[in-house]
Amino acid sequence: MTIGVAQITLYLEAADSLKDKRRVVKSLIQRIHNRFNVAAAEVADLDDHRVATIGVAAVSNSGAHCSDVLAAVIAFVDSNVELGSMGEVETELIPY
């Protein structure tokens, strides 16, 4: 079994309030979950309305499949982020 994790930082330059940020992040997390069947949540920078950090986790019996899923999620986020752009991305595969 392999656990794949990704931490994706978003810079939301056009967000004027926490309400704008939460609307964008909540919608993006729901679309990630529905499309890729992975766990996703906002994990850091909760009180900063210009930055959002999303954590994504996937479990598979193959490391290659886990890596492919995370790459697809990252590409999806990069093309679907509203009010800003994608920043740093960190990924890790953990064999269990």
C-alpha atoms as a PDB file:
ATOM      1  CA  MET A   1       0.000   0.000   0.000  1.00  0.00           C
ATOM      2  CA  THR A   2       1.206   3.518  -0.817  1.00  0.00           C
ATOM      3  CA  ILE A   3      -0.058   6.765   0.645  1.00  0.00           C
ATOM      4  CA  GLY A   4       0.460   9.837  -1.504  1.00  0.00           C
ATOM      5  CA  VAL A   5       0.234  13.312  -0.028  1.00  0.00           C
ATOM      6  CA  ALA A   6       0.436  16.748  -1.608  1.00  0.00           C
ATOM      7  CA  GLN A   7       0.490  20.191  -0.073  1.00  0.00           C
ATOM      8  CA  ILE A   8      -0.598  22.889  -2.516  1.00  0.00           C
ATOM      9  CA  THR A   9      -0.239  26.598  -1.763  1.00  0.00           C
ATOM     10  CA  LEU A  10      -2.564  29.038  -3.496  1.00  0.00           C
ATOM     11  CA  TYR A  11      -2.004  32.795  -3.697  1.00  0.00           C
ATOM     12  CA  LEU A  12      -5.385  34.519  -3.920  1.00  0.00           C
ATOM     13  CA  GLU A  13      -4.385  38.064  -4.838  1.00  0.00           C
ATOM     14  CA  ALA A  14      -7.916  39.086  -5.831  1.00  0.00           C
ATOM     15  CA  ALA A  15      -9.583  37.845  -2.627  1.00  0.00           C
ATOM     16  CA  ASP A  16     -10.766  40.840  -0.598  1.00  0.00           C
ATOM     17  CA  SER A  17     -11.984  38.956   2.474  1.00  0.00           C
ATOM     18  CA  LEU A  18     -11.985  35.614   4.253  1.00  0.00           C
ATOM     19  CA  LYS A  19     -15.455  35.077   2.809  1.00  0.00           C
ATOM     20  CA  ASP A  20     -14.081  35.304  -0.759  1.00  0.00           C
ATOM     21  CA  LYS A  21     -11.240  32.954   0.125  1.00  0.00           C
ATOM     22  CA  ARG A  22     -13.476  30.373   1.789  1.00  0.00           C
ATOM     23  CA  ARG A  23     -15.884  30.393  -1.160  1.00  0.00           C
ATOM     24  CA  VAL A  24     -13.053  29.675  -3.607  1.00  0.00           C
ATOM     25  CA  VAL A  25     -11.296  27.086  -1.436  1.00  0.00           C
ATOM     26  CA  LYS A  26     -14.451  25.220  -0.440  1.00  0.00           C
ATOM     27  CA  SER A  27     -15.594  24.977  -4.058  1.00  0.00           C
ATOM     28  CA  LEU A  28     -12.171  23.786  -5.237  1.00  0.00           C
ATOM     29  CA  ILE A  29     -11.898  21.152  -2.491  1.00  0.00           C
ATOM     30  CA  GLN A  30     -15.370  19.814  -3.303  1.00  0.00           C
ATOM     31  CA  ARG A  31     -14.518  19.549  -7.015  1.00  0.00           C
ATOM     32  CA  ILE A  32     -11.212  17.782  -6.223  1.00  0.00           C
ATOM     33  CA  HIS A  33     -12.988  15.271  -3.998  1.00  0.00           C
ATOM     34  CA  ASN A  34     -15.772  14.597  -6.506  1.00  0.00           C
ATOM     35  CA  ARG A  35     -13.509  14.255  -9.535  1.00  0.00           C
ATOM     36  CA  PHE A  36     -10.584  12.290  -8.097  1.00  0.00           C
ATOM     37  CA  ASN A  37     -12.032  10.507  -5.031  1.00  0.00           C
ATOM     38  CA  VAL A  38      -9.211  11.701  -2.772  1.00  0.00           C
ATOM     39  CA  ALA A  39      -9.245  13.351   0.635  1.00  0.00           C
ATOM     40  CA  ALA A  40      -8.683  17.114   0.529  1.00  0.00           C
ATOM     41  CA  ALA A  41      -8.840  19.885   3.119  1.00  0.00           C
ATOM     42  CA  GLU A  42      -7.546  23.368   3.846  1.00  0.00           C
ATOM     43  CA  VAL A  43      -4.665  22.690   6.235  1.00  0.00           C
ATOM     44  CA  ALA A  44      -2.849  25.976   6.887  1.00  0.00           C
ATOM     45  CA  ASP A  45      -3.057  29.763   6.540  1.00  0.00           C
ATOM     46  CA  LEU A  46      -6.664  29.706   7.732  1.00  0.00           C
ATOM     47  CA  ASP A  47      -6.782  33.364   8.805  1.00  0.00           C
ATOM     48  CA  ASP A  48      -4.872  34.886   5.877  1.00  0.00           C
ATOM     49  CA  HIS A  49      -7.302  35.835   3.104  1.00  0.00           C
ATOM     50  CA  ARG A  50      -4.562  36.021   0.461  1.00  0.00           C
ATOM     51  CA  VAL A  51      -3.034  32.554   0.973  1.00  0.00           C
ATOM     52  CA  ALA A  52      -4.584  29.083   1.139  1.00  0.00           C
ATOM     53  CA  THR A  53      -2.854  25.765   1.699  1.00  0.00           C
ATOM     54  CA  ILE A  54      -4.669  22.615   0.625  1.00  0.00           C
ATOM     55  CA  GLY A  55      -3.657  19.109   1.662  1.00  0.00           C
ATOM     56  CA  VAL A  56      -4.531  16.153  -0.566  1.00  0.00           C
ATOM     57  CA  ALA A  57      -4.160  12.455   0.308  1.00  0.00           C
ATOM     58  CA  ALA A  58      -4.588   9.384  -1.880  1.00  0.00           C
ATOM     59  CA  VAL A  59      -4.179   5.691  -1.084  1.00  0.00           C
ATOM     60  CA  SER A  60      -3.365   3.020  -3.670  1.00  0.00           C
ATOM     61  CA  ASN A  61      -1.770  -0.383  -4.000  1.00  0.00           C
ATOM     62  CA  SER A  62       0.682   1.103  -6.518  1.00  0.00           C
ATOM     63  CA  GLY A  63       3.114   3.968  -6.035  1.00  0.00           C
ATOM     64  CA  ALA A  64       2.939   4.846  -9.719  1.00  0.00           C
ATOM     65  CA  HIS A  65      -0.853   5.118  -9.587  1.00  0.00           C
ATOM     66  CA  CYS A  66      -0.660   7.312  -6.482  1.00  0.00           C
ATOM     67  CA  SER A  67       1.858   9.567  -8.200  1.00  0.00           C
ATOM     68  CA  ASP A  68      -0.348   9.824 -11.306  1.00  0.00           C
ATOM     69  CA  VAL A  69      -3.408  10.734  -9.238  1.00  0.00           C
ATOM     70  CA  LEU A  70      -1.535  13.464  -7.357  1.00  0.00           C
ATOM     71  CA  ALA A  71      -0.146  14.844 -10.633  1.00  0.00           C
ATOM     72  CA  ALA A  72      -3.677  14.969 -12.075  1.00  0.00           C
ATOM     73  CA  VAL A  73      -4.986  16.753  -8.972  1.00  0.00           C
ATOM     74  CA  ILE A  74      -2.161  19.310  -9.137  1.00  0.00           C
ATOM     75  CA  ALA A  75      -2.820  19.974 -12.830  1.00  0.00           C
ATOM     76  CA  PHE A  76      -6.548  20.344 -12.091  1.00  0.00           C
ATOM     77  CA  VAL A  77      -5.889  22.845  -9.295  1.00  0.00           C
ATOM     78  CA  ASP A  78      -3.482  24.825 -11.471  1.00  0.00           C
ATOM     79  CA  SER A  79      -6.094  25.228 -14.207  1.00  0.00           C
ATOM     80  CA  ASN A  80      -9.111  25.822 -11.923  1.00  0.00           C
ATOM     81  CA  VAL A  81      -7.977  28.192  -9.168  1.00  0.00           C
ATOM     82  CA  GLU A  82     -10.074  31.367  -9.015  1.00  0.00           C
ATOM     83  CA  LEU A  83      -8.976  34.801  -7.778  1.00  0.00           C
ATOM     84  CA  GLY A  84      -5.275  33.946  -7.952  1.00  0.00           C
ATOM     85  CA  SER A  85      -2.643  31.390  -8.861  1.00  0.00           C
ATOM     86  CA  MET A  86      -1.014  28.220  -7.650  1.00  0.00           C
ATOM     87  CA  GLY A  87       2.260  28.579  -5.757  1.00  0.00           C
ATOM     88  CA  GLU A  88       4.446  25.936  -4.151  1.00  0.00           C
ATOM     89  CA  VAL A  89       3.618  22.242  -4.342  1.00  0.00           C
ATOM     90  CA  GLU A  90       5.143  19.538  -2.163  1.00  0.00           C
ATOM     91  CA  THR A  91       4.428  15.840  -2.724  1.00  0.00           C
ATOM     92  CA  GLU A  92       5.490  12.688  -0.953  1.00  0.00           C
ATOM     93  CA  LEU A  93       4.825   8.988  -1.446  1.00  0.00           C
ATOM     94  CA  ILE A  94       4.839   6.933   1.740  1.00  0.00           C
ATOM     95  CA  PRO A  95       5.096   3.130   1.392  1.00  0.00           C
ATOM     96  CA  TYR A  96       3.225   1.355   4.151  1.00  0.00           C
END
